[in-house]
Structure formats: structure tokens, C-alpha cells
Amino acid sequence: QVQLAESGGGVVQDGGSLRLSCVASGRTVNNNFVGWFRQAPGKEREFVATISGSGDSTDHAESVKGRFTISRDNAKNTVYLQMNSLKPEDTAIYYCAVSLLYCQGYGGCYEPIKYYYWGQGTQVTVSS
């Protein structure tokens, strides 16, 4: 079993920055793809970013490219999401998730269904 705990959310003004953290416990996730997703009220959960176990492969949604950066510190069993130039449309609950799949074989893991363990989420609110 893997438990995931997100932190770092909050209220920030348009153009501000936040760094989200996702700490895994229970067992190491150093060999697993980890993703960040978000869900705004009334909308479906959407892909934000993903990172391979080694950290040498990352991908970001077009809507956040150039503004958000996913990274990981395997010594701390932690994955981060640095969010810069935040916009009101980034307001959502942000979730981290761990995949048990060989994502490279799938051409990547971008859908929520490809992730098995999920955290409880952290709220990000960007005010205009």
C-alpha cells in the first residue's frame, strides 16, 4: 500500500507562484510514474504533469507548459509541482497519483484510470 499526502496549496494572486509537494509513504515509489491532476468544480479531473521513476522523463499539459514544472526527489520519496505565473483558471483541487503501469510502453500515462494510488488533494485558489 502507498499513502500519498499533498501539501502546499493555498490562495495566491493572479501571476503568483506555489510549490506543491506529494510525499509517498508505505513503500518507495522510486520506480513508478507519478502524475499531478486537477479538478475544478463541475469539471472532470484533468492531467497536469507526469514524471518517470528516474525523473529523466517528464511531460506537462499544454495549458501549463512553460509555467509549471514537475520534479522529484527520490531520496525523500517526494514529487513536486512548481507552479509559476498562476492564472484564475488554474483554480482547482490538485491531486498526485502513482501509476503501477509501465507507462513508457503506453506512450505515457495521461489518463486518471492509469493511476492506482491517489492522495486526498490540496486546494489551489488563484484570485484575479
Protein backbone atom coordinates (compact mmCIF):
# COMPACT_ATOMS: atom_id res chain seq x y z
CA GLN A 1 0.00 0.00 0.00
CA VAL A 2 1.06 3.53 -0.75
CA GLN A 3 -0.25 6.60 1.02
CA LEU A 4 0.12 9.98 -0.68
CA ALA A 5 -0.07 13.33 1.06
CA GLU A 6 -0.21 16.57 -0.92
CA SER A 7 0.62 19.94 0.59
CA GLY A 8 1.49 23.45 -0.48
CA GLY A 9 -1.84 24.63 -1.78
CA GLY A 10 -3.36 27.95 -0.81
CA VAL A 11 -4.70 31.25 -2.06
CA VAL A 12 -2.48 33.29 -4.35
CA GLN A 13 -2.99 36.29 -6.60
CA ASP A 14 -3.01 36.19 -10.37
CA GLY A 15 0.63 35.85 -11.52
CA GLY A 16 1.80 34.34 -8.24
CA SER A 17 3.60 31.08 -7.52
CA LEU A 18 3.12 27.99 -5.39
CA ARG A 19 5.04 24.76 -4.97
CA LEU A 20 3.04 21.63 -4.29
CA SER A 21 4.59 18.59 -2.63
CA CYS A 22 3.46 14.98 -2.72
CA VAL A 23 5.03 12.72 -0.11
CA ALA A 24 4.66 8.98 -0.50
CA SER A 25 4.74 6.57 2.43
CA GLY A 26 4.22 2.86 2.86
CA ARG A 27 6.75 1.89 0.25
CA THR A 28 9.10 3.54 -2.18
CA VAL A 29 7.68 4.86 -5.43
CA ASN A 30 11.09 5.50 -6.97
CA ASN A 31 10.34 3.11 -9.83
CA ASN A 32 6.87 4.46 -10.57
CA PHE A 33 5.49 7.18 -12.75
CA VAL A 34 3.82 9.87 -10.66
CA GLY A 35 1.30 12.31 -12.01
CA TRP A 36 -0.39 15.53 -10.96
CA PHE A 37 -4.03 16.06 -11.86
CA ARG A 38 -6.51 18.77 -11.02
CA GLN A 39 -10.25 19.07 -10.76
CA ALA A 40 -12.22 22.29 -10.79
CA PRO A 41 -15.85 22.47 -9.60
CA GLY A 42 -18.19 20.97 -12.15
CA LYS A 43 -15.36 19.73 -14.34
CA GLU A 44 -13.68 16.40 -14.93
CA ARG A 45 -10.32 15.59 -13.42
CA GLU A 46 -7.62 16.61 -15.90
CA PHE A 47 -3.99 15.76 -16.43
CA VAL A 48 -1.41 18.37 -15.41
CA ALA A 49 2.02 16.69 -15.42
CA THR A 50 3.78 13.35 -15.11
CA ILE A 51 7.28 12.19 -14.29
CA SER A 52 9.07 8.88 -14.68
CA GLY A 53 10.57 6.98 -11.75
CA SER A 54 14.08 8.20 -12.50
CA GLY A 55 12.89 11.71 -13.19
CA ASP A 56 14.51 11.82 -16.63
CA SER A 57 11.20 11.87 -18.47
CA THR A 58 8.53 14.49 -17.83
CA ASP A 59 5.51 15.81 -19.66
CA HIS A 60 3.12 18.66 -19.00
CA ALA A 61 -0.32 19.57 -20.26
CA GLU A 62 -0.32 22.24 -22.95
CA SER A 63 -2.28 24.56 -20.67
CA VAL A 64 0.57 24.64 -18.12
CA LYS A 65 3.68 24.25 -20.29
CA GLY A 66 6.21 26.94 -19.58
CA ARG A 67 4.54 27.77 -16.26
CA PHE A 68 4.50 24.52 -14.26
CA THR A 69 7.38 22.11 -13.67
CA ILE A 70 7.20 18.64 -12.19
CA SER A 71 10.22 17.20 -10.41
CA ARG A 72 11.04 14.55 -7.84
CA ASP A 73 13.48 13.80 -5.04
CA ASN A 74 13.64 10.03 -4.70
CA ALA A 75 15.74 10.27 -1.54
CA LYS A 76 12.71 11.90 0.06
CA ASN A 77 10.07 9.85 -1.77
CA THR A 78 8.60 13.20 -2.82
CA VAL A 79 7.32 14.69 -6.07
CA TYR A 80 6.91 18.42 -6.56
CA LEU A 81 4.90 20.69 -8.81
CA GLN A 82 6.33 24.19 -9.14
CA MET A 83 3.60 26.49 -10.40
CA ASN A 84 4.52 29.95 -11.67
CA SER A 85 2.52 32.67 -13.41
CA LEU A 86 -0.67 31.26 -11.93
CA LYS A 87 -3.97 32.23 -13.51
CA PRO A 88 -7.53 32.19 -12.13
CA GLU A 89 -8.29 29.25 -14.43
CA ASP A 90 -5.69 27.20 -12.53
CA THR A 91 -8.01 27.20 -9.53
CA ALA A 92 -8.78 23.58 -8.63
CA ILE A 93 -8.06 20.78 -6.22
CA TYR A 94 -4.70 19.29 -7.16
CA TYR A 95 -4.07 15.58 -6.72
CA CYS A 96 -0.95 13.48 -7.02
CA ALA A 97 -1.18 9.87 -8.09
CA VAL A 98 1.08 6.86 -8.59
CA SER A 99 0.86 4.51 -11.55
CA LEU A 100 1.66 0.80 -11.40
CA LEU A 101 1.92 0.58 -15.19
CA TYR A 102 4.92 0.55 -17.46
CA CYS A 103 3.96 3.96 -18.80
CA GLN A 104 6.69 4.09 -21.42
CA GLY A 105 5.04 1.12 -23.05
CA TYR A 106 1.78 3.01 -23.25
CA GLY A 107 3.37 6.10 -24.70
CA GLY A 108 2.87 7.79 -21.38
CA CYS A 109 0.26 7.84 -18.64
CA TYR A 110 -2.06 10.80 -19.09
CA GLU A 111 -5.44 9.41 -18.06
CA PRO A 112 -6.58 9.13 -14.42
CA ILE A 113 -7.52 5.48 -14.97
CA LYS A 114 -3.83 4.62 -15.42
CA TYR A 115 -3.05 5.69 -11.86
CA TYR A 116 -3.71 3.42 -8.90
CA TYR A 117 -2.90 5.35 -5.72
CA TRP A 118 -4.27 8.83 -5.11
CA GLY A 119 -3.81 11.48 -2.48
CA GLN A 120 -6.62 13.50 -0.87
CA GLY A 121 -5.77 16.64 -2.82
CA THR A 122 -4.79 20.19 -1.97
CA GLN A 123 -6.80 23.27 -2.89
CA VAL A 124 -5.24 25.94 -5.08
CA THR A 125 -7.15 29.18 -5.49
CA VAL A 126 -5.91 31.97 -7.75
CA SER A 127 -7.64 35.29 -7.28
CA SER A 128 -7.89 37.89 -10.03
